[in-house]
């Protein structure tokens, strides 16, 4: 664990396990592949030091780079066609990558169990 207490891989795994316990649908991961990818990347980015939000404009998908890897809801993924998201691309994702779940409820759940 790093000195700040924010170990990237451990935090990532913890968040994914909590999301799995929150969503009852067996296909819950698809929510983060169809609109929720930016929400997940931003959520993880706030908790993982030295991480970068990356975008793949070809596939309209984003993920988080940390600890020499690129991760989305499915785990470590290929970095092909991904690049570091610019401020303009971040704004684009905020407006266009819309989750199909109640983000406020999920954020409240995570805040309550991540203490």
Protein backbone atom coordinates (compact mmCIF):
# COMPACT_ATOMS: atom_id res chain seq x y z
CA UNK A 1 0.00 0.00 0.00
CA UNK A 2 1.32 3.45 -0.79
CA UNK A 3 1.88 6.04 1.99
CA UNK A 4 -1.46 7.78 1.29
CA UNK A 5 -3.33 4.53 1.85
CA UNK A 6 -4.71 4.55 -1.70
CA UNK A 7 -3.48 1.32 -3.27
CA UNK A 8 -4.89 1.36 -6.78
CA UNK A 9 -5.51 -2.32 -7.38
CA UNK A 10 -6.97 -2.94 -3.89
CA UNK A 11 -9.28 0.09 -4.19
CA UNK A 12 -10.39 -1.00 -7.66
CA UNK A 13 -11.21 -4.52 -6.46
CA UNK A 14 -13.05 -3.20 -3.40
CA UNK A 15 -15.23 -0.86 -5.50
CA UNK A 16 -16.05 -3.62 -8.00
CA UNK A 17 -17.04 -6.02 -5.21
CA UNK A 18 -19.25 -3.36 -3.64
CA UNK A 19 -20.90 -2.62 -6.98
CA UNK A 20 -21.53 -6.32 -7.49
CA UNK A 21 -23.23 -6.52 -4.10
CA UNK A 22 -25.30 -3.40 -4.85
CA UNK A 23 -26.70 -4.47 -8.21
CA UNK A 24 -28.97 -7.50 -8.10
CA UNK A 25 -29.08 -8.13 -11.86
CA UNK A 26 -26.58 -10.76 -13.03
CA UNK A 27 -25.77 -8.56 -16.05
CA UNK A 28 -24.93 -5.52 -13.91
CA UNK A 29 -21.54 -5.01 -15.57
CA UNK A 30 -23.25 -4.10 -18.85
CA UNK A 31 -24.42 -0.88 -17.15
CA UNK A 32 -20.78 0.21 -17.11
CA UNK A 33 -20.17 -0.71 -20.73
CA UNK A 34 -23.19 1.20 -22.06
CA UNK A 35 -23.11 4.68 -20.62
CA UNK A 36 -21.70 4.14 -17.15
CA UNK A 37 -18.03 3.83 -18.06
CA UNK A 38 -17.27 7.49 -17.40
CA UNK A 39 -19.05 7.42 -14.04
CA UNK A 40 -16.94 4.41 -13.00
CA UNK A 41 -13.69 5.90 -14.28
CA UNK A 42 -14.36 9.18 -12.46
CA UNK A 43 -15.33 7.37 -9.25
CA UNK A 44 -12.18 5.26 -9.32
CA UNK A 45 -10.04 8.25 -10.32
CA UNK A 46 -11.08 10.10 -7.15
CA UNK A 47 -9.88 7.16 -5.06
CA UNK A 48 -6.70 6.14 -6.88
CA UNK A 49 -3.70 8.43 -6.77
CA UNK A 50 -1.76 8.98 -10.00
CA UNK A 51 -4.55 7.56 -12.17
CA UNK A 52 -5.61 8.93 -15.54
CA UNK A 53 -8.96 8.80 -17.29
CA UNK A 54 -8.47 7.41 -20.78
CA UNK A 55 -10.82 7.49 -23.76
CA UNK A 56 -11.27 5.34 -26.84
CA UNK A 57 -13.16 7.52 -29.31
CA UNK A 58 -13.52 4.66 -31.80
CA UNK A 59 -15.47 2.47 -29.35
CA UNK A 60 -16.90 5.39 -27.34
CA UNK A 61 -15.57 3.90 -24.13
CA UNK A 62 -13.42 5.15 -21.31
CA UNK A 63 -11.35 3.46 -18.64
CA UNK A 64 -8.85 4.28 -15.93
CA UNK A 65 -5.09 3.91 -16.25
CA UNK A 66 -3.18 3.15 -13.05
CA UNK A 67 -0.31 0.94 -11.93
CA UNK A 68 0.86 0.34 -15.51
CA UNK A 69 -2.51 -0.99 -16.69
CA UNK A 70 -5.85 0.11 -18.08
CA UNK A 71 -9.01 -1.00 -16.26
CA UNK A 72 -12.74 -0.88 -16.78
CA UNK A 73 -15.58 -2.86 -15.17
CA UNK A 74 -14.36 -6.09 -16.79
CA UNK A 75 -10.81 -5.90 -15.42
CA UNK A 76 -7.57 -5.10 -17.16
CA UNK A 77 -8.13 -4.29 -20.82
CA UNK A 78 -6.08 -3.53 -23.91
CA UNK A 79 -4.92 0.05 -24.27
CA UNK A 80 -5.35 -0.12 -28.06
CA UNK A 81 -7.02 3.06 -29.38
CA UNK A 82 -7.06 4.66 -25.90
CA UNK A 83 -5.40 7.96 -25.07
CA UNK A 84 -5.43 10.28 -22.09
CA UNK A 85 -8.69 12.22 -22.12
CA UNK A 86 -8.31 15.95 -22.67
CA UNK A 87 -10.43 18.44 -20.70
CA UNK A 88 -12.63 18.79 -23.79
CA UNK A 89 -13.10 15.01 -23.99
CA UNK A 90 -13.89 14.88 -20.26
CA UNK A 91 -16.67 17.42 -20.85
CA UNK A 92 -17.89 15.36 -23.80
CA UNK A 93 -18.06 12.21 -21.65
CA UNK A 94 -19.84 14.03 -18.80
CA UNK A 95 -22.56 15.13 -21.24
CA UNK A 96 -22.82 12.02 -23.41
CA UNK A 97 -21.84 8.94 -21.42
CA UNK A 98 -24.98 8.78 -19.32
CA UNK A 99 -25.37 5.92 -16.83
CA UNK A 100 -28.59 3.91 -16.89
CA UNK A 101 -28.73 3.73 -13.09
CA UNK A 102 -29.31 6.14 -10.24
CA UNK A 103 -25.80 7.48 -9.65
CA UNK A 104 -26.74 9.35 -6.48
CA UNK A 105 -28.05 6.16 -4.87
CA UNK A 106 -24.92 4.22 -5.82
CA UNK A 107 -22.68 7.03 -4.56
CA UNK A 108 -24.55 7.10 -1.24
CA UNK A 109 -24.19 3.33 -0.95
CA UNK A 110 -20.45 3.46 -1.66
CA UNK A 111 -19.93 6.35 0.76
CA UNK A 112 -21.72 4.41 3.49
CA UNK A 113 -19.68 1.23 3.11
CA UNK A 114 -16.28 2.67 2.18
CA UNK A 115 -15.63 4.22 5.62
